[in-house]
Amino acid sequence: MNQKIYEELSFTDDFMFCKIMLDNKDICKEVIELLLGIKVHDIQYPEKQKTIELTSDGKGIRLDVYAEDGNKVYDIEMQTTVNKDIPKRSRYYQGMIDLNLISRGAEYSELKESFVVFICLEDLFNRNKSIYTFKNVCIEDKDLQLQDETTKVFINANGSRNNLTNSQIAFLDYISGKEPTDEFTNRINLELSKAQSREEWRLEYMTLLQRDREKFAEGKAEGKAEGKLEDIQNLMENLNLSAEKAMEALGIPESEYEKYKEML
């Protein structure tokens, strides 16, 4: 399990991305304007890394950066690895955001315009575009939009730079690993340097890192136990052995017999 130490974190690492974006409203606001091509007035953060859990047994979500601007809401996700479930994740996130707004007592007509943005370091769609913007349109008449005020945007940091502004190019170059080249990316880089010396953030990250390592170790231990259990069951079924004889044949210590018996 390879994980970076705190001093190695870059702006695209989830922990640092969230900290810088949520601690610097101006940077967050400019990132949103840059990627969506819209004017943002004054964003507010209802809470840090907003968590939405609508039911006790349902699958909740933790949003990286959730911000509101009057009648608009923005969810900005940093995605360093690309996998096929991202489009459906965007659908799920958008639905959960809407349900969260409704659960606060809003009527359907009061639902805010919502933007879900995934900043990816690779091309999710393999079309070599840097920005993919999706809205709901009529299949039979492409000029007819549903007007449900939902937008999903997927950024490809390494896509074609055609039709991009200089600011967009500088930002995408920066998150793809190049040096900062304009005022905005230099400002982000300065905040990154400041963040790397913030002891409280370092301690928080190390605590999360240790928790992840413990969960990983627990998962490995459970996986080994499940593997041994399957071996025991196979010997019992195929060779008609008792549980004790099967465990003895597998070299399992007697001290662990009861544990596996309870699992059978």
C-alpha atoms as a PDB file:
ATOM      1  CA  MET A   1       0.000   0.000   0.000  1.00  0.00           C
ATOM      2  CA  ASN A   2       1.972   3.003  -1.287  1.00  0.00           C
ATOM      3  CA  GLN A   3       0.885   6.391   0.022  1.00  0.00           C
ATOM      4  CA  LYS A   4       2.683   9.731  -0.089  1.00  0.00           C
ATOM      5  CA  ILE A   5       4.132  11.413   2.943  1.00  0.00           C
ATOM      6  CA  TYR A   6       2.613  14.827   3.665  1.00  0.00           C
ATOM      7  CA  GLU A   7       5.489  16.857   2.235  1.00  0.00           C
ATOM      8  CA  GLU A   8       5.119  15.064  -1.129  1.00  0.00           C
ATOM      9  CA  LEU A   9       1.467  15.992  -1.625  1.00  0.00           C
ATOM     10  CA  SER A  10       0.600  18.113  -4.663  1.00  0.00           C
ATOM     11  CA  PHE A  11      -2.484  20.178  -5.461  1.00  0.00           C
ATOM     12  CA  THR A  12      -4.050  17.178  -7.243  1.00  0.00           C
ATOM     13  CA  ASP A  13      -3.872  14.919  -4.180  1.00  0.00           C
ATOM     14  CA  ASP A  14      -7.342  14.744  -2.677  1.00  0.00           C
ATOM     15  CA  PHE A  15      -6.363  15.852   0.841  1.00  0.00           C
ATOM     16  CA  MET A  16      -4.384  18.880  -0.331  1.00  0.00           C
ATOM     17  CA  PHE A  17      -6.896  19.800  -3.039  1.00  0.00           C
ATOM     18  CA  CYS A  18      -9.710  19.931  -0.502  1.00  0.00           C
ATOM     19  CA  LYS A  19      -7.681  21.852   2.066  1.00  0.00           C
ATOM     20  CA  ILE A  20      -6.509  24.538  -0.359  1.00  0.00           C
ATOM     21  CA  MET A  21      -9.879  24.916  -2.100  1.00  0.00           C
ATOM     22  CA  LEU A  22     -11.827  25.122   1.167  1.00  0.00           C
ATOM     23  CA  ASP A  23      -9.325  27.376   2.910  1.00  0.00           C
ATOM     24  CA  ASN A  24      -9.004  29.833   0.011  1.00  0.00           C
ATOM     25  CA  LYS A  25     -12.369  31.030  -1.242  1.00  0.00           C
ATOM     26  CA  ASP A  26     -10.803  33.152  -4.001  1.00  0.00           C
ATOM     27  CA  ILE A  27      -8.914  30.170  -5.434  1.00  0.00           C
ATOM     28  CA  CYS A  28     -12.006  27.969  -5.304  1.00  0.00           C
ATOM     29  CA  LYS A  29     -14.100  30.671  -6.964  1.00  0.00           C
ATOM     30  CA  GLU A  30     -11.545  31.147  -9.748  1.00  0.00           C
ATOM     31  CA  VAL A  31     -11.244  27.395 -10.395  1.00  0.00           C
ATOM     32  CA  ILE A  32     -15.024  27.191 -10.821  1.00  0.00           C
ATOM     33  CA  GLU A  33     -15.088  30.208 -13.158  1.00  0.00           C
ATOM     34  CA  LEU A  34     -12.143  28.869 -15.142  1.00  0.00           C
ATOM     35  CA  LEU A  35     -13.589  25.398 -15.711  1.00  0.00           C
ATOM     36  CA  LEU A  36     -17.232  26.349 -16.243  1.00  0.00           C
ATOM     37  CA  GLY A  37     -16.743  29.620 -18.101  1.00  0.00           C
ATOM     38  CA  ILE A  38     -19.248  31.434 -15.897  1.00  0.00           C
ATOM     39  CA  LYS A  39     -19.156  34.330 -13.455  1.00  0.00           C
ATOM     40  CA  VAL A  40     -19.385  33.348  -9.791  1.00  0.00           C
ATOM     41  CA  HIS A  41     -20.457  36.062  -7.388  1.00  0.00           C
ATOM     42  CA  ASP A  42     -19.690  34.904  -3.850  1.00  0.00           C
ATOM     43  CA  ILE A  43     -19.406  31.242  -2.921  1.00  0.00           C
ATOM     44  CA  GLN A  44     -20.293  29.858   0.491  1.00  0.00           C
ATOM     45  CA  TYR A  45     -19.310  26.532   2.054  1.00  0.00           C
ATOM     46  CA  PRO A  46     -22.211  24.958   3.973  1.00  0.00           C
ATOM     47  CA  GLU A  47     -19.651  22.589   5.524  1.00  0.00           C
ATOM     48  CA  LYS A  48     -16.158  21.221   4.905  1.00  0.00           C
ATOM     49  CA  GLN A  49     -16.152  18.131   2.633  1.00  0.00           C
ATOM     50  CA  LYS A  50     -19.931  17.902   2.749  1.00  0.00           C
ATOM     51  CA  THR A  51     -21.336  14.480   3.598  1.00  0.00           C
ATOM     52  CA  ILE A  52     -24.839  13.552   2.424  1.00  0.00           C
ATOM     53  CA  GLU A  53     -26.468  10.553   4.098  1.00  0.00           C
ATOM     54  CA  LEU A  54     -30.219  10.550   3.565  1.00  0.00           C
ATOM     55  CA  THR A  55     -31.049   7.155   5.100  1.00  0.00           C
ATOM     56  CA  SER A  56     -29.477   5.124   7.872  1.00  0.00           C
ATOM     57  CA  ASP A  57     -28.872   2.141   5.599  1.00  0.00           C
ATOM     58  CA  GLY A  58     -28.388   3.975   2.294  1.00  0.00           C
ATOM     59  CA  LYS A  59     -25.112   4.732   0.568  1.00  0.00           C
ATOM     60  CA  GLY A  60     -23.984   8.214   1.512  1.00  0.00           C
ATOM     61  CA  ILE A  61     -21.432  10.362  -0.278  1.00  0.00           C
ATOM     62  CA  ARG A  62     -18.660  12.691   0.782  1.00  0.00           C
ATOM     63  CA  LEU A  63     -18.168  15.538  -1.648  1.00  0.00           C
ATOM     64  CA  ASP A  64     -14.643  16.938  -2.077  1.00  0.00           C
ATOM     65  CA  VAL A  65     -15.590  20.600  -2.492  1.00  0.00           C
ATOM     66  CA  TYR A  66     -19.236  21.641  -2.212  1.00  0.00           C
ATOM     67  CA  ALA A  67     -20.011  25.334  -2.607  1.00  0.00           C
ATOM     68  CA  GLU A  68     -23.108  27.455  -3.097  1.00  0.00           C
ATOM     69  CA  ASP A  69     -23.533  30.744  -4.932  1.00  0.00           C
ATOM     70  CA  GLY A  70     -27.045  32.060  -4.476  1.00  0.00           C
ATOM     71  CA  ASN A  71     -29.221  29.837  -6.682  1.00  0.00           C
ATOM     72  CA  LYS A  72     -26.328  27.643  -7.867  1.00  0.00           C
ATOM     73  CA  VAL A  73     -24.494  24.742  -6.227  1.00  0.00           C
ATOM     74  CA  TYR A  74     -21.128  23.297  -7.247  1.00  0.00           C
ATOM     75  CA  ASP A  75     -19.525  19.976  -6.477  1.00  0.00           C
ATOM     76  CA  ILE A  76     -15.850  19.812  -7.545  1.00  0.00           C
ATOM     77  CA  GLU A  77     -14.193  16.379  -7.400  1.00  0.00           C
ATOM     78  CA  MET A  78     -10.491  15.692  -7.928  1.00  0.00           C
ATOM     79  CA  GLN A  79     -10.028  12.339  -9.678  1.00  0.00           C
ATOM     80  CA  THR A  80      -6.425  11.222 -10.154  1.00  0.00           C
ATOM     81  CA  THR A  81      -7.350   7.766 -11.483  1.00  0.00           C
ATOM     82  CA  VAL A  82      -9.926   7.161 -14.197  1.00  0.00           C
ATOM     83  CA  ASN A  83     -12.407   4.295 -14.018  1.00  0.00           C
ATOM     84  CA  LYS A  84     -15.577   3.482 -15.902  1.00  0.00           C
ATOM     85  CA  ASP A  85     -17.971   4.223 -13.052  1.00  0.00           C
ATOM     86  CA  ILE A  86     -17.269   7.986 -12.986  1.00  0.00           C
ATOM     87  CA  PRO A  87     -20.218   8.928 -15.269  1.00  0.00           C
ATOM     88  CA  LYS A  88     -22.636   6.991 -13.046  1.00  0.00           C
ATOM     89  CA  ARG A  89     -20.994   8.444  -9.953  1.00  0.00           C
ATOM     90  CA  SER A  90     -21.714  11.900 -11.365  1.00  0.00           C
ATOM     91  CA  ARG A  91     -25.350  10.906 -11.842  1.00  0.00           C
ATOM     92  CA  TYR A  92     -25.533   9.584  -8.268  1.00  0.00           C
ATOM     93  CA  TYR A  93     -23.865  12.677  -6.818  1.00  0.00           C
ATOM     94  CA  GLN A  94     -26.204  15.004  -8.708  1.00  0.00           C
ATOM     95  CA  GLY A  95     -29.245  13.062  -7.514  1.00  0.00           C
ATOM     96  CA  MET A  96     -28.057  13.057  -3.910  1.00  0.00           C
ATOM     97  CA  ILE A  97     -27.420  16.810  -4.028  1.00  0.00           C
ATOM     98  CA  ASP A  98     -30.987  17.365  -5.254  1.00  0.00           C
ATOM     99  CA  LEU A  99     -32.434  15.043  -2.611  1.00  0.00           C
ATOM    100  CA  ASN A 100     -30.448  16.870   0.039  1.00  0.00           C
ATOM    101  CA  LEU A 101     -31.925  20.191  -1.105  1.00  0.00           C
ATOM    102  CA  ILE A 102     -35.438  18.728  -1.103  1.00  0.00           C
ATOM    103  CA  SER A 103     -34.881  17.226   2.348  1.00  0.00           C
ATOM    104  CA  ARG A 104     -34.237  20.750   3.606  1.00  0.00           C
ATOM    105  CA  GLY A 105     -37.832  21.614   2.711  1.00  0.00           C
ATOM    106  CA  ALA A 106     -37.498  23.035  -0.814  1.00  0.00           C
ATOM    107  CA  GLU A 107     -40.173  22.613  -3.461  1.00  0.00           C
ATOM    108  CA  TYR A 108     -39.144  21.142  -6.822  1.00  0.00           C
ATOM    109  CA  SER A 109     -39.293  24.596  -8.351  1.00  0.00           C
ATOM    110  CA  GLU A 110     -36.804  25.813  -5.764  1.00  0.00           C
ATOM    111  CA  LEU A 111     -34.105  23.299  -6.672  1.00  0.00           C
ATOM    112  CA  LYS A 112     -30.887  25.163  -7.360  1.00  0.00           C
ATOM    113  CA  GLU A 113     -28.986  24.935 -10.616  1.00  0.00           C
ATOM    114  CA  SER A 114     -26.303  22.326 -10.005  1.00  0.00           C
ATOM    115  CA  PHE A 115     -22.880  21.623 -11.475  1.00  0.00           C
ATOM    116  CA  VAL A 116     -20.948  18.414 -10.825  1.00  0.00           C
ATOM    117  CA  VAL A 117     -17.340  18.676 -12.004  1.00  0.00           C
ATOM    118  CA  PHE A 118     -14.777  15.863 -12.097  1.00  0.00           C
ATOM    119  CA  ILE A 119     -11.210  17.058 -12.614  1.00  0.00           C
ATOM    120  CA  CYS A 120      -9.435  14.066 -14.168  1.00  0.00           C
ATOM    121  CA  LEU A 121      -5.766  13.706 -15.013  1.00  0.00           C
ATOM    122  CA  GLU A 122      -6.581  11.298 -17.856  1.00  0.00           C
ATOM    123  CA  ASP A 123      -9.105  11.222 -20.704  1.00  0.00           C
ATOM    124  CA  LEU A 124     -12.286   9.498 -19.549  1.00  0.00           C
ATOM    125  CA  PHE A 125     -13.817   9.435 -23.039  1.00  0.00           C
ATOM    126  CA  ASN A 126     -10.721   9.079 -25.262  1.00  0.00           C
ATOM    127  CA  ARG A 127     -11.754  11.978 -27.526  1.00  0.00           C
ATOM    128  CA  ASN A 128      -8.734  14.176 -26.704  1.00  0.00           C
ATOM    129  CA  LYS A 129     -10.830  17.072 -25.420  1.00  0.00           C
ATOM    130  CA  SER A 130      -9.848  18.988 -22.315  1.00  0.00           C
ATOM    131  CA  ILE A 131     -13.402  19.845 -21.249  1.00  0.00           C
ATOM    132  CA  TYR A 132     -16.489  17.661 -21.724  1.00  0.00           C
ATOM    133  CA  THR A 133     -19.764  19.351 -20.766  1.00  0.00           C
ATOM    134  CA  PHE A 134     -23.021  17.398 -20.588  1.00  0.00           C
ATOM    135  CA  LYS A 135     -26.599  18.629 -20.344  1.00  0.00           C
ATOM    136  CA  ASN A 136     -29.869  16.736 -20.868  1.00  0.00           C
ATOM    137  CA  VAL A 137     -31.088  17.196 -24.440  1.00  0.00           C
ATOM    138  CA  CYS A 138     -33.859  15.676 -26.556  1.00  0.00           C
ATOM    139  CA  ILE A 139     -32.594  12.827 -28.756  1.00  0.00           C
ATOM    140  CA  GLU A 140     -35.124  13.645 -31.491  1.00  0.00           C
ATOM    141  CA  ASP A 141     -34.375  17.371 -31.448  1.00  0.00           C
ATOM    142  CA  LYS A 142     -30.858  18.259 -30.348  1.00  0.00           C
ATOM    143  CA  ASP A 143     -31.792  21.944 -30.091  1.00  0.00           C
ATOM    144  CA  LEU A 144     -34.315  21.144 -27.342  1.00  0.00           C
ATOM    145  CA  GLN A 145     -32.841  21.107 -23.828  1.00  0.00           C
ATOM    146  CA  LEU A 146     -34.682  19.676 -20.843  1.00  0.00           C
ATOM    147  CA  GLN A 147     -34.002  22.854 -18.824  1.00  0.00           C
ATOM    148  CA  ASP A 148     -33.584  20.861 -15.602  1.00  0.00           C
ATOM    149  CA  GLU A 149     -30.586  23.071 -14.747  1.00  0.00           C
ATOM    150  CA  THR A 150     -28.181  20.202 -14.200  1.00  0.00           C
ATOM    151  CA  THR A 151     -24.706  20.151 -15.724  1.00  0.00           C
ATOM    152  CA  LYS A 152     -21.956  17.555 -15.511  1.00  0.00           C
ATOM    153  CA  VAL A 153     -18.422  18.509 -16.548  1.00  0.00           C
ATOM    154  CA  PHE A 154     -15.423  16.211 -16.929  1.00  0.00           C
ATOM    155  CA  ILE A 155     -11.971  17.760 -17.191  1.00  0.00           C
ATOM    156  CA  ASN A 156      -9.098  16.006 -18.962  1.00  0.00           C
ATOM    157  CA  ALA A 157      -5.858  17.650 -17.850  1.00  0.00           C
ATOM    158  CA  ASN A 158      -3.953  16.204 -20.805  1.00  0.00           C
ATOM    159  CA  GLY A 159      -6.402  16.884 -23.618  1.00  0.00           C
ATOM    160  CA  SER A 160      -6.086  19.123 -26.662  1.00  0.00           C
ATOM    161  CA  ARG A 161      -5.533  22.790 -25.871  1.00  0.00           C
ATOM    162  CA  ASN A 162      -7.563  23.942 -28.891  1.00  0.00           C
ATOM    163  CA  ASN A 163     -10.216  26.579 -28.136  1.00  0.00           C
ATOM    164  CA  LEU A 164      -9.008  27.070 -24.562  1.00  0.00           C
ATOM    165  CA  THR A 165      -8.093  30.389 -22.964  1.00  0.00           C
ATOM    166  CA  ASN A 166      -4.534  31.021 -21.835  1.00  0.00           C
ATOM    167  CA  SER A 167      -5.704  30.790 -18.224  1.00  0.00           C
ATOM    168  CA  GLN A 168      -7.341  27.416 -18.812  1.00  0.00           C
ATOM    169  CA  ILE A 169      -4.198  26.125 -20.536  1.00  0.00           C
ATOM    170  CA  ALA A 170      -1.991  27.309 -17.666  1.00  0.00           C
ATOM    171  CA  PHE A 171      -4.246  25.649 -15.087  1.00  0.00           C
ATOM    172  CA  LEU A 172      -4.503  22.332 -16.947  1.00  0.00           C
ATOM    173  CA  ASP A 173      -0.748  22.310 -17.536  1.00  0.00           C
ATOM    174  CA  TYR A 174      -0.207  22.903 -13.820  1.00  0.00           C
ATOM    175  CA  ILE A 175      -2.459  20.082 -12.611  1.00  0.00           C
ATOM    176  CA  SER A 176      -0.910  17.750 -15.187  1.00  0.00           C
ATOM    177  CA  GLY A 177       2.446  18.227 -13.450  1.00  0.00           C
ATOM    178  CA  LYS A 178       4.078  21.222 -15.136  1.00  0.00           C
ATOM    179  CA  GLU A 179       5.443  24.322 -13.447  1.00  0.00           C
ATOM    180  CA  PRO A 180       3.101  27.292 -12.796  1.00  0.00           C
ATOM    181  CA  THR A 181       3.155  29.799 -15.645  1.00  0.00           C
ATOM    182  CA  ASP A 182       0.681  32.556 -14.760  1.00  0.00           C
ATOM    183  CA  GLU A 183      -0.480  34.579 -11.779  1.00  0.00           C
ATOM    184  CA  PHE A 184      -3.228  32.132 -10.789  1.00  0.00           C
ATOM    185  CA  THR A 185      -1.180  28.932 -10.915  1.00  0.00           C
ATOM    186  CA  ASN A 186       1.647  30.684  -9.072  1.00  0.00           C
ATOM    187  CA  ARG A 187      -0.863  31.652  -6.390  1.00  0.00           C
ATOM    188  CA  ILE A 188      -2.007  28.033  -6.060  1.00  0.00           C
ATOM    189  CA  ASN A 189       1.609  26.903  -5.882  1.00  0.00           C
ATOM    190  CA  LEU A 190       2.315  29.452  -3.144  1.00  0.00           C
ATOM    191  CA  GLU A 191      -0.648  28.156  -1.130  1.00  0.00           C
ATOM    192  CA  LEU A 192       0.678  24.627  -1.634  1.00  0.00           C
ATOM    193  CA  SER A 193       4.045  25.673  -0.183  1.00  0.00           C
ATOM    194  CA  LYS A 194       2.300  27.299   2.784  1.00  0.00           C
ATOM    195  CA  ALA A 195       0.150  24.221   3.304  1.00  0.00           C
ATOM    196  CA  GLN A 196       3.177  21.932   3.438  1.00  0.00           C
ATOM    197  CA  SER A 197       4.386  23.821   6.515  1.00  0.00           C
ATOM    198  CA  ARG A 198       1.033  23.761   8.347  1.00  0.00           C
ATOM    199  CA  GLU A 199       1.552  21.403  11.241  1.00  0.00           C
ATOM    200  CA  GLU A 200      -2.142  20.917  12.024  1.00  0.00           C
ATOM    201  CA  TRP A 201      -2.835  19.751   8.459  1.00  0.00           C
ATOM    202  CA  ARG A 202       0.180  17.462   8.517  1.00  0.00           C
ATOM    203  CA  LEU A 203      -1.032  15.850  11.750  1.00  0.00           C
ATOM    204  CA  GLU A 204      -4.537  15.460  10.342  1.00  0.00           C
ATOM    205  CA  TYR A 205      -3.170  13.824   7.200  1.00  0.00           C
ATOM    206  CA  MET A 206      -0.916  11.480   9.191  1.00  0.00           C
ATOM    207  CA  THR A 207      -3.894  10.466  11.332  1.00  0.00           C
ATOM    208  CA  LEU A 208      -5.948   9.673   8.221  1.00  0.00           C
ATOM    209  CA  LEU A 209      -2.983   7.834   6.698  1.00  0.00           C
ATOM    210  CA  GLN A 210      -2.576   5.668   9.778  1.00  0.00           C
ATOM    211  CA  ARG A 211      -6.305   4.924   9.806  1.00  0.00           C
ATOM    212  CA  ASP A 212      -6.134   3.864   6.148  1.00  0.00           C
ATOM    213  CA  ARG A 213      -3.167   1.612   6.867  1.00  0.00           C
ATOM    214  CA  GLU A 214      -5.014  -0.042   9.759  1.00  0.00           C
ATOM    215  CA  LYS A 215      -8.077  -0.640   7.580  1.00  0.00           C
ATOM    216  CA  PHE A 216      -5.860  -2.061   4.840  1.00  0.00           C
ATOM    217  CA  ALA A 217      -4.175  -4.408   7.323  1.00  0.00           C
ATOM    218  CA  GLU A 218      -7.560  -5.492   8.685  1.00  0.00           C
ATOM    219  CA  GLY A 219      -8.760  -6.176   5.155  1.00  0.00           C
ATOM    220  CA  LYS A 220      -5.695  -8.297   4.399  1.00  0.00           C
ATOM    221  CA  ALA A 221      -6.185 -10.271   7.627  1.00  0.00           C
ATOM    222  CA  GLU A 222      -9.858 -10.842   6.829  1.00  0.00           C
ATOM    223  CA  GLY A 223      -8.939 -11.902   3.306  1.00  0.00           C
ATOM    224  CA  LYS A 224      -6.441 -14.457   4.618  1.00  0.00           C
ATOM    225  CA  ALA A 225      -8.995 -15.809   7.093  1.00  0.00           C
ATOM    226  CA  GLU A 226     -11.617 -16.135   4.354  1.00  0.00           C
ATOM    227  CA  GLY A 227      -9.100 -17.956   2.165  1.00  0.00           C
ATOM    228  CA  LYS A 228      -8.284 -20.437   4.926  1.00  0.00           C
ATOM    229  CA  LEU A 229     -11.978 -20.923   5.643  1.00  0.00           C
ATOM    230  CA  GLU A 230     -12.595 -21.802   1.994  1.00  0.00           C
ATOM    231  CA  ASP A 231      -9.713 -24.313   2.119  1.00  0.00           C
ATOM    232  CA  ILE A 232     -11.196 -25.923   5.226  1.00  0.00           C
ATOM    233  CA  GLN A 233     -14.614 -26.188   3.602  1.00  0.00           C
ATOM    234  CA  ASN A 234     -13.123 -27.725   0.440  1.00  0.00           C
ATOM    235  CA  LEU A 235     -11.299 -30.432   2.439  1.00  0.00           C
ATOM    236  CA  MET A 236     -14.398 -31.176   4.493  1.00  0.00           C
ATOM    237  CA  GLU A 237     -16.534 -31.489   1.378  1.00  0.00           C
ATOM    238  CA  ASN A 238     -14.139 -33.229  -1.021  1.00  0.00           C
ATOM    239  CA  LEU A 239     -12.306 -35.527   1.418  1.00  0.00           C
ATOM    240  CA  ASN A 240     -15.082 -35.905   3.974  1.00  0.00           C
ATOM    241  CA  LEU A 241     -12.825 -34.662   6.759  1.00  0.00           C
ATOM    242  CA  SER A 242     -13.979 -33.235  10.057  1.00  0.00           C
ATOM    243  CA  ALA A 243     -13.306 -29.562  10.680  1.00  0.00           C
ATOM    244  CA  GLU A 244     -10.485 -30.435  13.081  1.00  0.00           C
ATOM    245  CA  LYS A 245      -8.834 -32.843  10.629  1.00  0.00           C
ATOM    246  CA  ALA A 246      -9.116 -30.316   7.802  1.00  0.00           C
ATOM    247  CA  MET A 247      -7.478 -27.607   9.918  1.00  0.00           C
ATOM    248  CA  GLU A 248      -4.777 -30.010  11.041  1.00  0.00           C
ATOM    249  CA  ALA A 249      -4.060 -30.912   7.401  1.00  0.00           C
ATOM    250  CA  LEU A 250      -3.738 -27.219   6.548  1.00  0.00           C
ATOM    251  CA  GLY A 251      -1.335 -26.601   9.419  1.00  0.00           C
ATOM    252  CA  ILE A 252      -3.648 -24.183  11.221  1.00  0.00           C
ATOM    253  CA  PRO A 253      -2.626 -23.701  14.899  1.00  0.00           C
ATOM    254  CA  GLU A 254      -4.974 -25.345  17.417  1.00  0.00           C
ATOM    255  CA  SER A 255      -5.400 -21.966  19.099  1.00  0.00           C
ATOM    256  CA  GLU A 256      -7.298 -20.799  16.000  1.00  0.00           C
ATOM    257  CA  TYR A 257      -9.621 -23.810  15.698  1.00  0.00           C
ATOM    258  CA  GLU A 258     -12.507 -22.194  17.565  1.00  0.00           C
ATOM    259  CA  LYS A 259     -12.304 -19.045  15.452  1.00  0.00           C
ATOM    260  CA  TYR A 260     -12.707 -20.996  12.227  1.00  0.00           C
ATOM    261  CA  LYS A 261     -15.407 -23.270  13.682  1.00  0.00           C
ATOM    262  CA  GLU A 262     -17.484 -20.176  14.447  1.00  0.00           C
ATOM    263  CA  MET A 263     -17.050 -19.055  10.834  1.00  0.00           C
ATOM    264  CA  LEU A 264     -18.139 -22.384   9.338  1.00  0.00           C
END
